[in-house]
């Protein structure tokens, strides 16, 4: 079942996806949940910073920036 999911850091800019699984642990996991990254939440990759990391994402009416190492631990299903 996890085969159809991609990590959030692989989502192309301008595309949307639905959050399916968080693989992070501890305080990082708590932070992601506090940001609203819960199951079935729609997230959109907006733009990369000039250096390529972090990437801005639109989620629940807010824009958040996540580093690649954080986004890699969020599995999403592309829409």
PDB file of N, CA and C in Angstrom:
ATOM      1  N   UNK A   1       0.814  -1.195   0.000  1.00  0.00           N
ATOM      2  CA  UNK A   1       0.000   0.000   0.000  1.00  0.00           C
ATOM      3  C   UNK A   1       0.858   1.261   0.000  1.00  0.00           C
ATOM      4  N   UNK A   2       1.997   1.222   0.681  1.00  0.00           N
ATOM      5  CA  UNK A   2       2.889   2.373   0.713  1.00  0.00           C
ATOM      6  C   UNK A   2       3.526   2.641  -0.647  1.00  0.00           C
ATOM      7  N   UNK A   3       3.442   1.663  -1.569  1.00  0.00           N
ATOM      8  CA  UNK A   3       4.086   1.791  -2.872  1.00  0.00           C
ATOM      9  C   UNK A   3       3.523   2.948  -3.698  1.00  0.00           C
ATOM     10  N   UNK A   4       2.279   3.284  -3.504  1.00  0.00           N
ATOM     11  CA  UNK A   4       1.684   4.356  -4.303  1.00  0.00           C
ATOM     12  C   UNK A   4       1.930   5.735  -3.702  1.00  0.00           C
ATOM     13  N   UNK A   5       2.586   5.790  -2.574  1.00  0.00           N
ATOM     14  CA  UNK A   5       2.880   7.060  -1.919  1.00  0.00           C
ATOM     15  C   UNK A   5       4.279   7.539  -2.272  1.00  0.00           C
ATOM     16  N   UNK A   6       4.444   8.859  -2.288  1.00  0.00           N
ATOM     17  CA  UNK A   6       5.765   9.454  -2.490  1.00  0.00           C
ATOM     18  C   UNK A   6       6.064  10.333  -1.284  1.00  0.00           C
ATOM     19  N   UNK A   7       7.326  10.614  -1.068  1.00  0.00           N
ATOM     20  CA  UNK A   7       7.653  11.531   0.017  1.00  0.00           C
ATOM     21  C   UNK A   7       7.391  12.957  -0.461  1.00  0.00           C
ATOM     22  N   UNK A   8       7.024  13.816   0.462  1.00  0.00           N
ATOM     23  CA  UNK A   8       6.638  15.181   0.130  1.00  0.00           C
ATOM     24  C   UNK A   8       7.754  15.936  -0.586  1.00  0.00           C
ATOM     25  N   UNK A   9       9.006  15.643  -0.268  1.00  0.00           N
ATOM     26  CA  UNK A   9      10.104  16.354  -0.935  1.00  0.00           C
ATOM     27  C   UNK A   9      10.216  16.000  -2.418  1.00  0.00           C
ATOM     28  N   UNK A  10       9.521  14.964  -2.881  1.00  0.00           N
ATOM     29  CA  UNK A  10       9.509  14.596  -4.301  1.00  0.00           C
ATOM     30  C   UNK A  10       8.301  15.140  -5.050  1.00  0.00           C
ATOM     31  N   UNK A  11       7.434  15.874  -4.360  1.00  0.00           N
ATOM     32  CA  UNK A  11       6.255  16.457  -5.007  1.00  0.00           C
ATOM     33  C   UNK A  11       6.686  17.647  -5.856  1.00  0.00           C
ATOM     34  N   UNK A  12       6.356  17.643  -7.151  1.00  0.00           N
ATOM     35  CA  UNK A  12       6.759  18.754  -8.025  1.00  0.00           C
ATOM     36  C   UNK A  12       6.086  20.071  -7.624  1.00  0.00           C
ATOM     37  N   UNK A  13       6.769  21.173  -7.864  1.00  0.00           N
ATOM     38  CA  UNK A  13       6.226  22.502  -7.582  1.00  0.00           C
ATOM     39  C   UNK A  13       4.946  22.697  -8.400  1.00  0.00           C
ATOM     40  N   UNK A  14       3.922  23.228  -7.741  1.00  0.00           N
ATOM     41  CA  UNK A  14       2.648  23.464  -8.401  1.00  0.00           C
ATOM     42  C   UNK A  14       1.666  22.314  -8.314  1.00  0.00           C
ATOM     43  N   UNK A  15       2.096  21.190  -7.775  1.00  0.00           N
ATOM     44  CA  UNK A  15       1.229  20.012  -7.666  1.00  0.00           C
ATOM     45  C   UNK A  15       0.667  19.896  -6.252  1.00  0.00           C
ATOM     46  N   UNK A  16      -0.473  19.211  -6.151  1.00  0.00           N
ATOM     47  CA  UNK A  16      -1.117  18.976  -4.867  1.00  0.00           C
ATOM     48  C   UNK A  16      -1.059  17.498  -4.511  1.00  0.00           C
ATOM     49  N   UNK A  17      -1.142  17.232  -3.220  1.00  0.00           N
ATOM     50  CA  UNK A  17      -1.131  15.853  -2.735  1.00  0.00           C
ATOM     51  C   UNK A  17      -1.927  15.789  -1.441  1.00  0.00           C
ATOM     52  N   UNK A  18      -2.231  14.573  -1.036  1.00  0.00           N
ATOM     53  CA  UNK A  18      -2.950  14.328   0.208  1.00  0.00           C
ATOM     54  C   UNK A  18      -2.013  13.601   1.168  1.00  0.00           C
ATOM     55  N   UNK A  19      -1.879  14.130   2.382  1.00  0.00           N
ATOM     56  CA  UNK A  19      -1.003  13.533   3.391  1.00  0.00           C
ATOM     57  C   UNK A  19      -1.554  12.170   3.780  1.00  0.00           C
ATOM     58  N   UNK A  20      -0.672  11.164   3.816  1.00  0.00           N
ATOM     59  CA  UNK A  20      -1.088   9.814   4.173  1.00  0.00           C
ATOM     60  C   UNK A  20      -0.388   9.261   5.411  1.00  0.00           C
ATOM     61  N   UNK A  21       0.890   9.607   5.612  1.00  0.00           N
ATOM     62  CA  UNK A  21       1.627   9.007   6.720  1.00  0.00           C
ATOM     63  C   UNK A  21       2.802   9.876   7.125  1.00  0.00           C
ATOM     64  N   UNK A  22       3.007  10.005   8.433  1.00  0.00           N
ATOM     65  CA  UNK A  22       4.191  10.688   8.969  1.00  0.00           C
ATOM     66  C   UNK A  22       5.120   9.618   9.522  1.00  0.00           C
ATOM     67  N   UNK A  23       6.372   9.616   9.081  1.00  0.00           N
ATOM     68  CA  UNK A  23       7.324   8.625   9.582  1.00  0.00           C
ATOM     69  C   UNK A  23       8.291   9.222  10.593  1.00  0.00           C
ATOM     70  N   UNK A  24       8.180  10.530  10.835  1.00  0.00           N
ATOM     71  CA  UNK A  24       9.063  11.170  11.818  1.00  0.00           C
ATOM     72  C   UNK A  24       8.617  10.808  13.227  1.00  0.00           C
ATOM     73  N   UNK A  25       9.495  11.061  14.186  1.00  0.00           N
ATOM     74  CA  UNK A  25       9.218  10.713  15.585  1.00  0.00           C
ATOM     75  C   UNK A  25       9.529  11.887  16.498  1.00  0.00           C
ATOM     76  N   UNK A  26       9.071  11.769  17.720  1.00  0.00           N
ATOM     77  CA  UNK A  26       9.417  12.740  18.758  1.00  0.00           C
ATOM     78  C   UNK A  26       8.888  14.131  18.508  1.00  0.00           C
ATOM     79  N   UNK A  27       9.730  15.124  18.807  1.00  0.00           N
ATOM     80  CA  UNK A  27       9.307  16.522  18.705  1.00  0.00           C
ATOM     81  C   UNK A  27       9.056  16.944  17.257  1.00  0.00           C
ATOM     82  N   UNK A  28       9.772  16.343  16.323  1.00  0.00           N
ATOM     83  CA  UNK A  28       9.543  16.663  14.911  1.00  0.00           C
ATOM     84  C   UNK A  28       8.152  16.213  14.496  1.00  0.00           C
ATOM     85  N   UNK A  29       7.765  15.029  14.914  1.00  0.00           N
ATOM     86  CA  UNK A  29       6.419  14.522  14.616  1.00  0.00           C
ATOM     87  C   UNK A  29       5.359  15.424  15.238  1.00  0.00           C
ATOM     88  N   UNK A  30       5.573  15.821  16.473  1.00  0.00           N
ATOM     89  CA  UNK A  30       4.625  16.695  17.168  1.00  0.00           C
ATOM     90  C   UNK A  30       4.485  18.026  16.425  1.00  0.00           C
ATOM     91  N   UNK A  31       5.613  18.577  15.954  1.00  0.00           N
ATOM     92  CA  UNK A  31       5.586  19.839  15.206  1.00  0.00           C
ATOM     93  C   UNK A  31       4.782  19.697  13.924  1.00  0.00           C
ATOM     94  N   UNK A  32       4.982  18.598  13.202  1.00  0.00           N
ATOM     95  CA  UNK A  32       4.254  18.366  11.961  1.00  0.00           C
ATOM     96  C   UNK A  32       2.749  18.260  12.222  1.00  0.00           C
ATOM     97  N   UNK A  33       2.385  17.550  13.264  1.00  0.00           N
ATOM     98  CA  UNK A  33       0.971  17.432  13.614  1.00  0.00           C
ATOM     99  C   UNK A  33       0.391  18.789  14.014  1.00  0.00           C
ATOM    100  N   UNK A  34       1.158  19.583  14.756  1.00  0.00           N
ATOM    101  CA  UNK A  34       0.709  20.921  15.159  1.00  0.00           C
ATOM    102  C   UNK A  34       0.523  21.842  13.957  1.00  0.00           C
ATOM    103  N   UNK A  35       1.308  21.641  12.904  1.00  0.00           N
ATOM    104  CA  UNK A  35       1.181  22.436  11.685  1.00  0.00           C
ATOM    105  C   UNK A  35      -0.037  22.022  10.855  1.00  0.00           C
ATOM    106  N   UNK A  36      -0.668  20.924  11.238  1.00  0.00           N
ATOM    107  CA  UNK A  36      -1.856  20.462  10.524  1.00  0.00           C
ATOM    108  C   UNK A  36      -1.590  19.356   9.529  1.00  0.00           C
ATOM    109  N   UNK A  37      -0.427  18.773   9.578  1.00  0.00           N
ATOM    110  CA  UNK A  37      -0.081  17.690   8.653  1.00  0.00           C
ATOM    111  C   UNK A  37      -0.618  16.368   9.180  1.00  0.00           C
ATOM    112  N   UNK A  38      -1.941  16.244   9.116  1.00  0.00           N
ATOM    113  CA  UNK A  38      -2.597  15.022   9.563  1.00  0.00           C
ATOM    114  C   UNK A  38      -3.135  14.284   8.343  1.00  0.00           C
ATOM    115  N   UNK A  39      -3.530  13.054   8.531  1.00  0.00           N
ATOM    116  CA  UNK A  39      -3.990  12.213   7.438  1.00  0.00           C
ATOM    117  C   UNK A  39      -5.106  12.877   6.629  1.00  0.00           C
ATOM    118  N   UNK A  40      -4.996  12.765   5.319  1.00  0.00           N
ATOM    119  CA  UNK A  40      -5.961  13.264   4.329  1.00  0.00           C
ATOM    120  C   UNK A  40      -5.979  14.780   4.162  1.00  0.00           C
ATOM    121  N   UNK A  41      -5.029  15.489   4.736  1.00  0.00           N
ATOM    122  CA  UNK A  41      -4.925  16.930   4.526  1.00  0.00           C
ATOM    123  C   UNK A  41      -4.291  17.193   3.164  1.00  0.00           C
ATOM    124  N   UNK A  42      -4.873  18.126   2.410  1.00  0.00           N
ATOM    125  CA  UNK A  42      -4.334  18.476   1.090  1.00  0.00           C
ATOM    126  C   UNK A  42      -3.214  19.497   1.272  1.00  0.00           C
ATOM    127  N   UNK A  43      -2.104  19.273   0.564  1.00  0.00           N
ATOM    128  CA  UNK A  43      -0.942  20.149   0.636  1.00  0.00           C
ATOM    129  C   UNK A  43      -0.465  20.431  -0.787  1.00  0.00           C
ATOM    130  N   UNK A  44      -0.001  21.656  -1.026  1.00  0.00           N
ATOM    131  CA  UNK A  44       0.473  22.042  -2.354  1.00  0.00           C
ATOM    132  C   UNK A  44       1.884  22.592  -2.262  1.00  0.00           C
ATOM    133  N   UNK A  45       2.753  22.127  -3.132  1.00  0.00           N
ATOM    134  CA  UNK A  45       4.123  22.649  -3.207  1.00  0.00           C
ATOM    135  C   UNK A  45       4.087  23.958  -3.974  1.00  0.00           C
ATOM    136  N   UNK A  46       4.486  25.057  -3.336  1.00  0.00           N
ATOM    137  CA  UNK A  46       4.400  26.373  -3.959  1.00  0.00           C
ATOM    138  C   UNK A  46       5.678  26.790  -4.671  1.00  0.00           C
ATOM    139  N   UNK A  47       6.785  26.846  -3.934  1.00  0.00           N
ATOM    140  CA  UNK A  47       8.040  27.281  -4.551  1.00  0.00           C
ATOM    141  C   UNK A  47       9.225  26.878  -3.710  1.00  0.00           C
ATOM    142  N   UNK A  48      10.370  26.759  -4.395  1.00  0.00           N
ATOM    143  CA  UNK A  48      11.629  26.460  -3.712  1.00  0.00           C
ATOM    144  C   UNK A  48      12.347  27.760  -3.414  1.00  0.00           C
ATOM    145  N   UNK A  49      13.138  27.747  -2.369  1.00  0.00           N
ATOM    146  CA  UNK A  49      13.983  28.907  -2.093  1.00  0.00           C
ATOM    147  C   UNK A  49      15.085  28.945  -3.162  1.00  0.00           C
ATOM    148  N   UNK A  50      15.789  30.052  -3.301  1.00  0.00           N
ATOM    149  CA  UNK A  50      16.846  30.140  -4.321  1.00  0.00           C
ATOM    150  C   UNK A  50      17.894  29.021  -4.217  1.00  0.00           C
ATOM    151  N   UNK A  51      18.162  28.566  -3.015  1.00  0.00           N
ATOM    152  CA  UNK A  51      19.136  27.484  -2.845  1.00  0.00           C
ATOM    153  C   UNK A  51      18.510  26.103  -3.038  1.00  0.00           C
ATOM    154  N   UNK A  52      17.173  26.052  -3.156  1.00  0.00           N
ATOM    155  CA  UNK A  52      16.484  24.784  -3.360  1.00  0.00           C
ATOM    156  C   UNK A  52      15.950  24.152  -2.088  1.00  0.00           C
ATOM    157  N   UNK A  53      16.341  24.648  -0.941  1.00  0.00           N
ATOM    158  CA  UNK A  53      15.907  24.080   0.332  1.00  0.00           C
ATOM    159  C   UNK A  53      15.857  25.201   1.359  1.00  0.00           C
ATOM    160  N   UNK A  54      14.770  25.508   1.985  1.00  0.00           N
ATOM    161  CA  UNK A  54      13.514  24.761   2.075  1.00  0.00           C
ATOM    162  C   UNK A  54      12.557  25.054   0.917  1.00  0.00           C
ATOM    163  N   UNK A  55      11.425  24.363   0.965  1.00  0.00           N
ATOM    164  CA  UNK A  55      10.354  24.543  -0.012  1.00  0.00           C
ATOM    165  C   UNK A  55       9.129  25.068   0.722  1.00  0.00           C
ATOM    166  N   UNK A  56       8.414  25.991   0.083  1.00  0.00           N
ATOM    167  CA  UNK A  56       7.185  26.538   0.662  1.00  0.00           C
ATOM    168  C   UNK A  56       6.006  25.662   0.240  1.00  0.00           C
ATOM    169  N   UNK A  57       5.155  25.338   1.210  1.00  0.00           N
ATOM    170  CA  UNK A  57       3.959  24.528   0.973  1.00  0.00           C
ATOM    171  C   UNK A  57       2.737  25.273   1.482  1.00  0.00           C
ATOM    172  N   UNK A  58       1.621  25.106   0.765  1.00  0.00           N
ATOM    173  CA  UNK A  58       0.355  25.698   1.183  1.00  0.00           C
ATOM    174  C   UNK A  58      -0.465  24.603   1.847  1.00  0.00           C
ATOM    175  N   UNK A  59      -0.842  24.839   3.104  1.00  0.00           N
ATOM    176  CA  UNK A  59      -1.601  23.854   3.856  1.00  0.00           C
ATOM    177  C   UNK A  59      -2.595  24.560   4.761  1.00  0.00           C
ATOM    178  N   UNK A  60      -3.833  24.182   4.656  1.00  0.00           N
ATOM    179  CA  UNK A  60      -4.900  24.701   5.524  1.00  0.00           C
ATOM    180  C   UNK A  60      -4.916  26.224   5.639  1.00  0.00           C
ATOM    181  N   UNK A  61      -4.740  26.909   4.524  1.00  0.00           N
ATOM    182  CA  UNK A  61      -4.809  28.359   4.509  1.00  0.00           C
ATOM    183  C   UNK A  61      -3.547  29.082   4.930  1.00  0.00           C
ATOM    184  N   UNK A  62      -2.470  28.354   5.139  1.00  0.00           N
ATOM    185  CA  UNK A  62      -1.202  28.963   5.554  1.00  0.00           C
ATOM    186  C   UNK A  62      -0.066  28.451   4.672  1.00  0.00           C
ATOM    187  N   UNK A  63       0.976  29.249   4.578  1.00  0.00           N
ATOM    188  CA  UNK A  63       2.178  28.839   3.849  1.00  0.00           C
ATOM    189  C   UNK A  63       3.238  28.486   4.877  1.00  0.00           C
ATOM    190  N   UNK A  64       3.789  27.289   4.761  1.00  0.00           N
ATOM    191  CA  UNK A  64       4.847  26.845   5.672  1.00  0.00           C
ATOM    192  C   UNK A  64       6.067  26.448   4.850  1.00  0.00           C
ATOM    193  N   UNK A  65       7.231  26.544   5.449  1.00  0.00           N
ATOM    194  CA  UNK A  65       8.470  26.128   4.789  1.00  0.00           C
ATOM    195  C   UNK A  65       9.005  24.898   5.500  1.00  0.00           C
ATOM    196  N   UNK A  66       9.320  23.883   4.732  1.00  0.00           N
ATOM    197  CA  UNK A  66       9.882  22.651   5.282  1.00  0.00           C
ATOM    198  C   UNK A  66      11.195  22.326   4.588  1.00  0.00           C
ATOM    199  N   UNK A  67      12.166  21.926   5.380  1.00  0.00           N
ATOM    200  CA  UNK A  67      13.427  21.467   4.811  1.00  0.00           C
ATOM    201  C   UNK A  67      13.225  20.097   4.171  1.00  0.00           C
ATOM    202  N   UNK A  68      14.072  19.772   3.251  1.00  0.00           N
ATOM    203  CA  UNK A  68      13.973  18.513   2.527  1.00  0.00           C
ATOM    204  C   UNK A  68      14.006  17.307   3.470  1.00  0.00           C
ATOM    205  N   UNK A  69      14.857  17.365   4.485  1.00  0.00           N
ATOM    206  CA  UNK A  69      14.955  16.230   5.415  1.00  0.00           C
ATOM    207  C   UNK A  69      13.662  16.038   6.205  1.00  0.00           C
ATOM    208  N   UNK A  70      12.920  17.123   6.480  1.00  0.00           N
ATOM    209  CA  UNK A  70      11.629  17.006   7.167  1.00  0.00           C
ATOM    210  C   UNK A  70      10.561  16.492   6.207  1.00  0.00           C
ATOM    211  N   UNK A  71      10.534  17.050   4.994  1.00  0.00           N
ATOM    212  CA  UNK A  71       9.538  16.668   4.000  1.00  0.00           C
ATOM    213  C   UNK A  71       9.706  15.215   3.558  1.00  0.00           C
ATOM    214  N   UNK A  72      10.901  14.696   3.624  1.00  0.00           N
ATOM    215  CA  UNK A  72      11.150  13.306   3.233  1.00  0.00           C
ATOM    216  C   UNK A  72      10.439  12.317   4.143  1.00  0.00           C
ATOM    217  N   UNK A  73      10.089  12.750   5.345  1.00  0.00           N
ATOM    218  CA  UNK A  73       9.434  11.866   6.313  1.00  0.00           C
ATOM    219  C   UNK A  73       7.910  11.988   6.301  1.00  0.00           C
ATOM    220  N   UNK A  74       7.388  12.678   5.274  1.00  0.00           N
ATOM    221  CA  UNK A  74       5.948  12.824   5.113  1.00  0.00           C
ATOM    222  C   UNK A  74       5.575  12.142   3.813  1.00  0.00           C
ATOM    223  N   UNK A  75       4.772  11.085   3.901  1.00  0.00           N
ATOM    224  CA  UNK A  75       4.349  10.359   2.707  1.00  0.00           C
ATOM    225  C   UNK A  75       3.002  10.898   2.255  1.00  0.00           C
ATOM    226  N   UNK A  76       2.915  11.175   0.953  1.00  0.00           N
ATOM    227  CA  UNK A  76       1.702  11.756   0.386  1.00  0.00           C
ATOM    228  C   UNK A  76       1.256  10.958  -0.838  1.00  0.00           C
ATOM    229  N   UNK A  77       0.005  11.161  -1.211  1.00  0.00           N
ATOM    230  CA  UNK A  77      -0.554  10.571  -2.409  1.00  0.00           C
ATOM    231  C   UNK A  77      -0.849  11.727  -3.364  1.00  0.00           C
ATOM    232  N   UNK A  78      -0.222  11.737  -4.517  1.00  0.00           N
ATOM    233  CA  UNK A  78      -0.399  12.820  -5.484  1.00  0.00           C
ATOM    234  C   UNK A  78      -1.844  12.875  -5.967  1.00  0.00           C
ATOM    235  N   UNK A  79      -2.339  14.091  -6.170  1.00  0.00           N
ATOM    236  CA  UNK A  79      -3.727  14.269  -6.663  1.00  0.00           C
ATOM    237  C   UNK A  79      -3.718  14.582  -8.153  1.00  0.00           C
TER     238      UNK A  79
END
